[in-house]
N, C-alpha and C. Protein backbone atom coordinates (compact mmCIF):
# COMPACT_ATOMS: atom_id res chain seq x y z
N MET A 1 20.74 2.83 8.03
CA MET A 1 20.44 1.61 7.69
C MET A 1 18.84 1.99 8.06
N ILE A 2 18.17 1.13 7.26
CA ILE A 2 16.77 1.14 6.90
C ILE A 2 16.37 0.58 8.08
N ALA A 3 15.47 -0.51 9.43
CA ALA A 3 15.22 -1.34 9.65
C ALA A 3 13.65 -1.55 9.25
N LEU A 4 12.66 -3.05 9.24
CA LEU A 4 11.73 -3.35 8.98
C LEU A 4 10.76 -3.66 10.08
N ARG A 5 10.03 -3.05 10.50
CA ARG A 5 9.15 -3.88 11.77
C ARG A 5 7.47 -3.89 11.84
N ARG A 6 7.17 -5.43 12.07
CA ARG A 6 6.04 -5.52 12.18
C ARG A 6 4.62 -4.74 13.38
N THR A 7 3.79 -4.44 12.88
CA THR A 7 2.86 -3.70 13.72
C THR A 7 1.39 -4.07 12.70
N ASN A 8 0.41 -3.54 13.73
CA ASN A 8 -0.85 -3.00 13.20
C ASN A 8 -1.07 -1.50 13.14
N ALA A 9 -2.66 -1.71 12.49
CA ALA A 9 -2.95 0.15 12.60
C ALA A 9 -2.97 0.95 13.11
N ASP A 10 -3.26 0.61 14.73
CA ASP A 10 -3.09 0.55 15.38
C ASP A 10 -2.50 1.64 16.50
N HIS A 11 -0.72 0.82 15.76
CA HIS A 11 0.46 1.85 15.79
C HIS A 11 0.33 3.10 15.56
N HIS A 12 0.84 3.72 16.69
CA HIS A 12 0.75 5.79 16.45
C HIS A 12 1.82 5.99 15.15
N ASP A 13 2.46 5.25 14.67
CA ASP A 13 4.02 5.69 13.65
C ASP A 13 2.99 5.97 12.22
N PHE A 14 2.26 4.26 11.82
CA PHE A 14 1.21 4.40 11.17
C PHE A 14 0.38 5.08 11.02
N LYS A 15 -0.06 5.60 12.09
CA LYS A 15 -1.07 6.42 11.65
C LYS A 15 -0.56 8.24 11.64
N ALA A 16 0.58 8.42 11.65
CA ALA A 16 0.77 9.68 11.53
C ALA A 16 1.83 9.32 10.11
N LEU A 17 1.92 8.68 9.34
CA LEU A 17 2.30 7.99 8.35
C LEU A 17 0.71 8.14 7.04
N VAL A 18 -0.17 7.35 7.74
CA VAL A 18 -1.17 7.76 6.92
C VAL A 18 -2.08 9.47 6.03
N GLN A 19 -1.73 9.80 7.76
CA GLN A 19 -2.31 11.25 7.65
C GLN A 19 -1.95 12.16 6.63
N LEU A 20 -0.25 11.66 6.32
CA LEU A 20 0.86 12.35 5.55
C LEU A 20 -0.41 11.89 4.29
N LEU A 21 -0.12 10.88 4.00
CA LEU A 21 -0.10 9.73 2.49
C LEU A 21 -2.01 10.48 2.31
N ASN A 22 -2.60 10.96 3.34
CA ASN A 22 -4.08 10.82 2.86
C ASN A 22 -3.80 12.65 2.48
N ALA A 23 -3.76 13.21 3.31
CA ALA A 23 -3.23 15.10 2.24
C ALA A 23 -2.45 14.89 0.92
N GLU A 24 -1.48 14.10 0.72
CA GLU A 24 -0.70 13.62 -0.68
C GLU A 24 -1.75 13.58 -1.54
N LEU A 25 -2.14 12.51 -1.00
CA LEU A 25 -3.42 12.22 -2.06
C LEU A 25 -5.07 13.03 -2.14
N ALA A 26 -4.63 13.87 -1.40
CA ALA A 26 -6.18 14.67 -1.52
C ALA A 26 -5.74 15.96 -2.03
N ARG A 27 -4.00 15.88 -2.72
CA ARG A 27 -3.73 17.23 -3.31
C ARG A 27 -3.59 16.65 -4.24
N ARG A 28 -3.35 15.42 -4.44
CA ARG A 28 -3.41 14.98 -6.17
C ARG A 28 -4.73 14.63 -6.91
N ASP A 29 -5.57 14.12 -6.14
CA ASP A 29 -6.95 13.82 -6.56
C ASP A 29 -8.14 14.70 -6.31
N GLY A 30 -7.49 15.52 -5.27
CA GLY A 30 -8.72 16.35 -4.88
C GLY A 30 -9.69 15.27 -3.08
N ALA A 31 -9.90 15.95 -2.38
CA ALA A 31 -10.24 15.81 -1.09
C ALA A 31 -11.32 15.36 -1.10
N ASP A 32 -12.31 15.52 -2.33
CA ASP A 32 -13.75 14.31 -1.74
C ASP A 32 -13.50 12.81 -4.08
N HIS A 33 -12.53 12.80 -4.08
CA HIS A 33 -12.10 11.43 -4.90
C HIS A 33 -12.69 10.73 -3.92
N PRO A 34 -13.67 10.04 -5.59
CA PRO A 34 -14.01 8.07 -5.21
C PRO A 34 -12.91 7.62 -4.51
N LEU A 35 -11.62 7.80 -5.38
CA LEU A 35 -10.94 6.59 -4.14
C LEU A 35 -10.48 6.96 -2.62
N SER A 36 -11.06 7.71 -2.18
CA SER A 36 -10.45 8.93 -1.05
C SER A 36 -11.61 7.66 -0.21
N ARG A 37 -12.63 6.44 -0.41
CA ARG A 37 -13.60 5.90 0.38
C ARG A 37 -12.86 4.93 0.86
N PHE A 38 -11.06 4.98 0.08
CA PHE A 38 -10.72 2.81 0.60
C PHE A 38 -9.93 3.46 1.07
N ASN A 39 -9.65 4.80 2.17
CA ASN A 39 -8.26 5.33 2.79
C ASN A 39 -8.56 4.41 3.82
N ASN A 40 -10.17 4.07 4.64
CA ASN A 40 -9.38 3.47 5.83
C ASN A 40 -9.09 2.44 6.67
N THR A 41 -8.34 2.09 7.57
CA THR A 41 -7.46 1.47 7.84
C THR A 41 -8.21 0.75 8.83
N ASP A 42 -9.54 1.22 9.40
CA ASP A 42 -10.03 0.47 10.69
C ASP A 42 -9.71 -1.94 10.33
N LYS A 43 -9.84 -1.83 9.36
CA LYS A 43 -9.80 -3.58 8.81
C LYS A 43 -8.98 -4.08 8.85
N ILE A 44 -7.53 -3.40 9.10
CA ILE A 44 -5.64 -3.70 8.58
C ILE A 44 -5.42 -3.92 10.27
N LYS A 45 -5.14 -5.44 9.52
CA LYS A 45 -3.87 -6.15 11.03
C LYS A 45 -2.64 -6.45 10.99
N TYR A 46 -2.27 -5.92 9.52
CA TYR A 46 -0.95 -5.92 9.30
C TYR A 46 -0.18 -5.04 9.04
N VAL A 47 0.29 -4.54 9.52
CA VAL A 47 1.67 -3.33 8.72
C VAL A 47 2.88 -3.26 9.11
N LEU A 48 3.31 -3.09 8.01
CA LEU A 48 4.71 -3.28 7.93
C LEU A 48 5.16 -1.57 8.49
N MET A 49 6.44 -1.18 8.74
CA MET A 49 6.32 0.11 8.50
C MET A 49 8.22 -0.59 8.50
N ALA A 50 8.72 1.10 8.11
CA ALA A 50 10.14 0.72 7.64
C ALA A 50 10.73 2.48 8.53
N TYR A 51 11.62 2.17 9.48
CA TYR A 51 12.45 3.43 10.26
C TYR A 51 13.64 3.65 9.61
N ASP A 52 13.99 4.52 9.90
CA ASP A 52 15.91 5.27 9.62
C ASP A 52 16.52 5.69 10.36
N LYS A 53 16.83 5.08 11.40
CA LYS A 53 18.04 5.52 13.00
C LYS A 53 15.95 6.09 14.02
N ASP A 54 15.32 4.88 14.16
CA ASP A 54 14.31 5.02 14.87
C ASP A 54 12.93 6.10 14.22
N ILE A 55 13.19 6.14 13.39
CA ILE A 55 12.54 7.29 12.68
C ILE A 55 11.88 6.86 11.33
N PRO A 56 9.63 6.65 11.82
CA PRO A 56 9.62 6.25 11.01
C PRO A 56 9.09 6.88 9.47
N ILE A 57 9.04 6.53 8.31
CA ILE A 57 9.43 6.87 7.13
C ILE A 57 8.92 6.24 6.00
N ALA A 58 8.16 5.01 5.94
CA ALA A 58 7.53 4.33 5.04
C ALA A 58 6.63 3.46 5.74
N CYS A 59 5.91 3.38 5.17
CA CYS A 59 4.78 1.97 5.90
C CYS A 59 3.77 1.38 4.30
N GLY A 60 3.52 0.38 4.35
CA GLY A 60 2.48 -0.66 3.53
C GLY A 60 1.96 -1.80 4.49
N ALA A 61 0.36 -1.87 3.92
CA ALA A 61 -0.15 -3.12 4.93
C ALA A 61 -0.51 -3.78 3.86
N ILE A 62 -1.41 -4.63 4.42
CA ILE A 62 -2.48 -6.08 4.07
C ILE A 62 -3.26 -6.20 4.76
N GLN A 63 -4.63 -6.42 4.33
CA GLN A 63 -5.72 -6.82 4.46
C GLN A 63 -6.18 -8.44 3.92
N ALA A 64 -6.87 -8.63 4.52
CA ALA A 64 -7.39 -9.93 3.69
C ALA A 64 -8.39 -9.83 2.71
N TYR A 65 -8.90 -10.30 0.92
CA TYR A 65 -9.43 -9.76 0.68
C TYR A 65 -10.30 -10.95 0.48
N ASP A 66 -9.54 -12.13 -0.06
CA ASP A 66 -10.46 -13.49 0.41
C ASP A 66 -10.25 -14.30 0.76
N ALA A 67 -10.49 -15.87 0.66
CA ALA A 67 -10.07 -16.92 0.76
C ALA A 67 -8.09 -17.43 0.26
N GLN A 68 -8.29 -16.51 -0.62
CA GLN A 68 -6.41 -16.85 -1.09
C GLN A 68 -6.42 -14.93 -1.57
N ARG A 69 -5.85 -14.42 -1.07
CA ARG A 69 -5.76 -13.19 -2.24
C ARG A 69 -5.91 -12.13 -0.68
N MET A 70 -4.83 -11.47 -0.45
CA MET A 70 -4.60 -10.35 0.39
C MET A 70 -4.01 -9.00 -0.18
N GLU A 71 -4.57 -8.00 0.23
CA GLU A 71 -4.75 -6.63 -0.62
C GLU A 71 -3.89 -5.57 0.53
N ILE A 72 -2.67 -5.33 -0.38
CA ILE A 72 -2.10 -3.98 -0.54
C ILE A 72 -2.48 -3.02 0.24
N LYS A 73 -2.96 -2.27 0.71
CA LYS A 73 -3.05 -1.55 1.55
C LYS A 73 -2.23 -0.02 1.83
N ARG A 74 -2.61 1.26 1.46
CA ARG A 74 -1.22 2.59 2.22
C ARG A 74 0.15 2.29 2.40
N MET A 75 0.50 2.20 1.03
CA MET A 75 1.61 1.88 0.79
C MET A 75 2.18 4.02 0.93
N PHE A 76 3.49 3.88 1.20
CA PHE A 76 3.70 4.99 1.52
C PHE A 76 4.74 5.42 2.05
N VAL A 77 5.94 6.79 1.11
CA VAL A 77 7.21 6.85 2.08
C VAL A 77 7.11 8.21 1.73
N ARG A 78 7.95 8.88 3.46
CA ARG A 78 8.16 9.64 3.09
C ARG A 78 8.60 10.69 1.67
N PRO A 79 8.53 12.02 1.28
CA PRO A 79 9.04 12.41 -0.23
C PRO A 79 10.51 12.61 0.56
N GLU A 80 10.73 13.29 1.43
CA GLU A 80 12.56 13.26 1.83
C GLU A 80 13.16 11.93 1.51
N ASN A 81 12.57 10.92 1.32
CA ASN A 81 13.05 9.06 1.42
C ASN A 81 12.34 8.52 0.16
N ARG A 82 12.28 9.04 -1.31
CA ARG A 82 11.67 8.30 -1.89
C ARG A 82 13.11 8.28 -3.05
N GLY A 83 12.63 7.47 -3.78
CA GLY A 83 13.52 7.44 -4.47
C GLY A 83 15.51 6.56 -3.94
N LYS A 84 14.95 5.48 -2.96
CA LYS A 84 16.12 4.78 -1.92
C LYS A 84 15.73 3.18 -1.88
N GLY A 85 14.76 2.70 -3.09
CA GLY A 85 14.50 1.54 -2.88
C GLY A 85 13.06 0.89 -2.05
N ILE A 86 13.04 2.18 -1.13
CA ILE A 86 11.92 1.54 0.36
C ILE A 86 10.64 1.40 0.46
N ALA A 87 10.25 1.22 -0.88
CA ALA A 87 9.00 0.87 -1.18
C ALA A 87 9.07 0.02 -1.46
N LYS A 88 10.01 -0.25 -2.56
CA LYS A 88 10.29 -2.13 -3.04
C LYS A 88 10.68 -3.56 -1.67
N LYS A 89 11.32 -2.91 -0.97
CA LYS A 89 11.41 -3.41 0.78
C LYS A 89 10.13 -3.55 1.15
N ILE A 90 9.71 -2.53 1.70
CA ILE A 90 7.97 -2.08 1.69
C ILE A 90 7.04 -3.57 1.25
N LEU A 91 7.07 -3.60 0.03
CA LEU A 91 6.49 -4.55 -0.68
C LEU A 91 6.66 -5.69 -0.63
N LYS A 92 7.71 -6.48 -0.51
CA LYS A 92 8.75 -7.29 -0.30
C LYS A 92 8.01 -8.21 0.79
N GLY A 93 8.78 -7.09 1.95
CA GLY A 93 8.09 -7.60 3.15
C GLY A 93 6.48 -8.12 3.54
N LEU A 94 5.76 -6.74 2.33
CA LEU A 94 4.41 -7.91 2.49
C LEU A 94 4.22 -8.27 2.20
N GLU A 95 4.84 -9.29 0.52
CA GLU A 95 4.42 -9.94 -0.07
C GLU A 95 4.94 -11.41 0.75
N LEU A 96 6.09 -11.51 1.44
CA LEU A 96 6.44 -12.06 2.88
C LEU A 96 5.80 -12.68 3.22
N TRP A 97 5.19 -11.79 4.12
CA TRP A 97 3.89 -11.99 5.27
C TRP A 97 3.25 -12.15 4.44
N THR A 98 2.31 -11.97 3.19
CA THR A 98 1.05 -12.50 3.36
C THR A 98 1.40 -13.90 2.78
N LYS A 99 2.56 -14.66 2.48
CA LYS A 99 2.64 -15.69 1.51
C LYS A 99 2.85 -16.63 2.62
N GLU A 100 3.79 -16.17 3.81
CA GLU A 100 3.60 -17.21 6.14
C GLU A 100 2.22 -17.14 6.09
N LEU A 101 1.14 -16.23 6.28
CA LEU A 101 -0.01 -16.35 5.94
C LEU A 101 -0.84 -16.83 5.21
N SER A 102 -0.55 -18.23 4.91
CA SER A 102 -1.14 -18.73 3.22
C SER A 102 -1.35 -18.93 2.23
N TYR A 103 -1.48 -17.46 2.32
CA TYR A 103 -2.27 -16.71 0.86
C TYR A 103 -1.11 -16.61 -0.26
N HIS A 104 -1.96 -16.42 -1.20
CA HIS A 104 -0.92 -16.90 -2.89
C HIS A 104 -0.76 -15.55 -3.80
N ARG A 105 -1.51 -15.01 -3.48
CA ARG A 105 -2.31 -13.55 -4.04
C ARG A 105 -2.04 -12.30 -3.43
N CYS A 106 -1.40 -10.96 -3.97
CA CYS A 106 -1.29 -9.69 -3.87
C CYS A 106 -2.26 -9.35 -4.93
N ILE A 107 -3.62 -7.87 -4.56
CA ILE A 107 -4.31 -7.81 -5.74
C ILE A 107 -4.00 -5.47 -4.72
N LEU A 108 -4.33 -4.87 -5.13
CA LEU A 108 -4.18 -3.70 -5.00
C LEU A 108 -5.16 -3.07 -5.73
N LEU A 109 -5.17 -1.24 -5.43
CA LEU A 109 -6.27 -0.71 -5.98
C LEU A 109 -5.20 0.44 -5.73
N THR A 110 -4.84 1.14 -7.13
CA THR A 110 -4.41 2.65 -6.69
C THR A 110 -4.87 3.91 -8.07
N GLY A 111 -4.35 4.43 -7.96
CA GLY A 111 -5.05 5.38 -8.97
C GLY A 111 -4.16 6.17 -10.69
N SER A 112 -4.78 6.32 -11.21
CA SER A 112 -4.22 7.25 -12.36
C SER A 112 -3.13 8.20 -12.12
N ARG A 113 -3.46 8.99 -11.72
CA ARG A 113 -2.30 10.18 -10.80
C ARG A 113 -1.47 9.82 -9.90
N GLN A 114 -1.10 8.32 -9.36
CA GLN A 114 -0.60 8.04 -8.32
C GLN A 114 1.16 7.17 -9.30
N PRO A 115 1.57 7.85 -10.60
CA PRO A 115 2.69 7.58 -11.73
C PRO A 115 3.80 6.77 -11.05
N GLU A 116 3.61 6.66 -9.63
CA GLU A 116 5.28 6.68 -9.09
C GLU A 116 4.65 4.93 -8.86
N ALA A 117 3.51 5.09 -7.78
CA ALA A 117 3.14 3.42 -7.67
C ALA A 117 3.01 2.88 -9.15
N ASN A 118 2.18 3.14 -9.83
CA ASN A 118 2.30 2.07 -10.72
C ASN A 118 3.47 2.09 -11.91
N ARG A 119 4.49 2.73 -11.74
CA ARG A 119 5.02 2.26 -12.18
C ARG A 119 6.47 1.06 -10.61
N LEU A 120 6.27 1.60 -9.40
CA LEU A 120 6.57 0.36 -8.70
C LEU A 120 6.03 -0.95 -8.40
N TYR A 121 4.86 -0.75 -9.09
CA TYR A 121 4.56 -2.32 -8.91
C TYR A 121 4.25 -3.00 -10.28
N ALA A 122 4.18 -2.70 -10.72
CA ALA A 122 4.87 -3.31 -12.59
C ALA A 122 6.03 -3.57 -12.57
N ALA A 123 7.18 -2.57 -11.63
CA ALA A 123 8.72 -3.49 -11.81
C ALA A 123 8.20 -4.70 -10.91
N SER A 124 7.89 -4.60 -10.04
CA SER A 124 7.97 -5.63 -8.93
C SER A 124 7.13 -6.72 -8.90
N GLY A 125 6.73 -7.24 -10.91
CA GLY A 125 5.43 -7.79 -10.51
C GLY A 125 3.95 -7.94 -10.85
N TYR A 126 3.59 -6.87 -10.62
CA TYR A 126 2.22 -7.13 -10.41
C TYR A 126 2.09 -6.43 -12.39
N ARG A 127 0.29 -7.28 -12.40
CA ARG A 127 -0.33 -7.46 -13.46
C ARG A 127 -1.50 -6.32 -13.50
N ALA A 128 -1.34 -6.07 -14.71
CA ALA A 128 -2.93 -5.32 -13.87
C ALA A 128 -3.77 -6.18 -14.83
N MET A 129 -4.92 -6.03 -13.59
CA MET A 129 -6.68 -7.06 -13.78
C MET A 129 -7.45 -6.63 -14.14
N PRO A 130 -8.86 -6.63 -14.12
CA PRO A 130 -9.69 -6.41 -14.03
C PRO A 130 -10.04 -5.80 -12.74
N LYS A 131 -10.44 -3.90 -12.82
CA LYS A 131 -11.25 -4.01 -11.55
C LYS A 131 -11.77 -4.78 -10.90
N TYR A 132 -12.15 -4.49 -9.53
CA TYR A 132 -13.03 -5.06 -9.20
C TYR A 132 -13.29 -4.15 -7.48
N GLY A 133 -14.29 -4.75 -7.18
CA GLY A 133 -14.83 -4.43 -5.97
C GLY A 133 -15.68 -2.97 -6.10
N GLU A 134 -15.75 -2.64 -5.45
CA GLU A 134 -16.23 -1.13 -5.70
C GLU A 134 -15.54 0.41 -6.79
N ALA A 135 -13.81 -0.34 -7.06
CA ALA A 135 -13.26 0.48 -8.16
C ALA A 135 -13.70 -0.19 -8.90
N ALA A 136 -14.73 -0.96 -9.54
CA ALA A 136 -14.85 -1.12 -10.84
C ALA A 136 -15.29 -0.13 -11.61
N ASP A 137 -16.46 1.05 -11.05
CA ASP A 137 -17.06 2.41 -11.27
C ASP A 137 -15.75 3.57 -11.31
N ILE A 138 -14.99 3.41 -10.84
CA ILE A 138 -14.19 4.78 -10.86
C ILE A 138 -13.30 4.68 -11.84
N ILE A 139 -13.46 5.53 -12.80
CA ILE A 139 -12.39 5.99 -14.73
C ILE A 139 -11.34 5.70 -14.14
N ASP A 140 -10.56 6.58 -13.04
CA ASP A 140 -8.85 6.81 -12.50
C ASP A 140 -8.62 5.67 -11.60
N SER A 141 -9.56 4.15 -11.80
CA SER A 141 -8.81 3.80 -10.11
C SER A 141 -7.92 2.82 -11.15
N ARG A 142 -7.27 1.93 -10.87
CA ARG A 142 -5.80 0.97 -11.95
C ARG A 142 -5.21 0.09 -9.85
N CYS A 143 -6.02 -1.17 -11.40
CA CYS A 143 -5.88 -2.86 -10.26
C CYS A 143 -4.49 -3.62 -10.28
N PHE A 144 -4.05 -3.92 -9.87
CA PHE A 144 -3.25 -4.83 -10.30
C PHE A 144 -3.03 -6.29 -9.69
N GLU A 145 -2.40 -7.37 -9.96
CA GLU A 145 -2.19 -8.57 -9.37
C GLU A 145 -1.42 -9.47 -9.25
N LYS A 146 -0.58 -9.76 -8.42
CA LYS A 146 0.53 -10.79 -8.02
C LYS A 146 0.44 -12.56 -7.40
N VAL A 147 0.63 -13.18 -8.07
CA VAL A 147 0.93 -14.41 -8.28
C VAL A 147 1.67 -14.48 -7.49
N LEU A 148 2.25 -14.37 -6.22
CA LEU A 148 3.28 -15.06 -5.05
C LEU A 148 3.87 -16.55 -5.45
């Protein structure tokens, strides 16, 4: 059974999964891809982990973007655990946490080379939005938003 646990960016299991995520993104996009500058975790306070029998298998995070919106960050499911609906559970848990923190929208940044992520967000009610922040200048960046 999959258990979800709230923590923060200092948690060692989160750091380990983020290393795997960064390695996967480097393989897909290239180590020097412009999107890699958004892989920082030092401002993240809210992390949701998924465990299977105490083994960390997935993560996601939220970070305040402005007074109304939280940004979804660092979504990752270990390859051997994909296709089981775990990413949807993480995403729903992050949306719930966002509402508990009195925010009304979630936004996120992903890339065109992450088709699985793009499908997940579209299937979860996220709609394409204009590129925001530094992502506006990155050709293959994709930005999404959901009103909660």
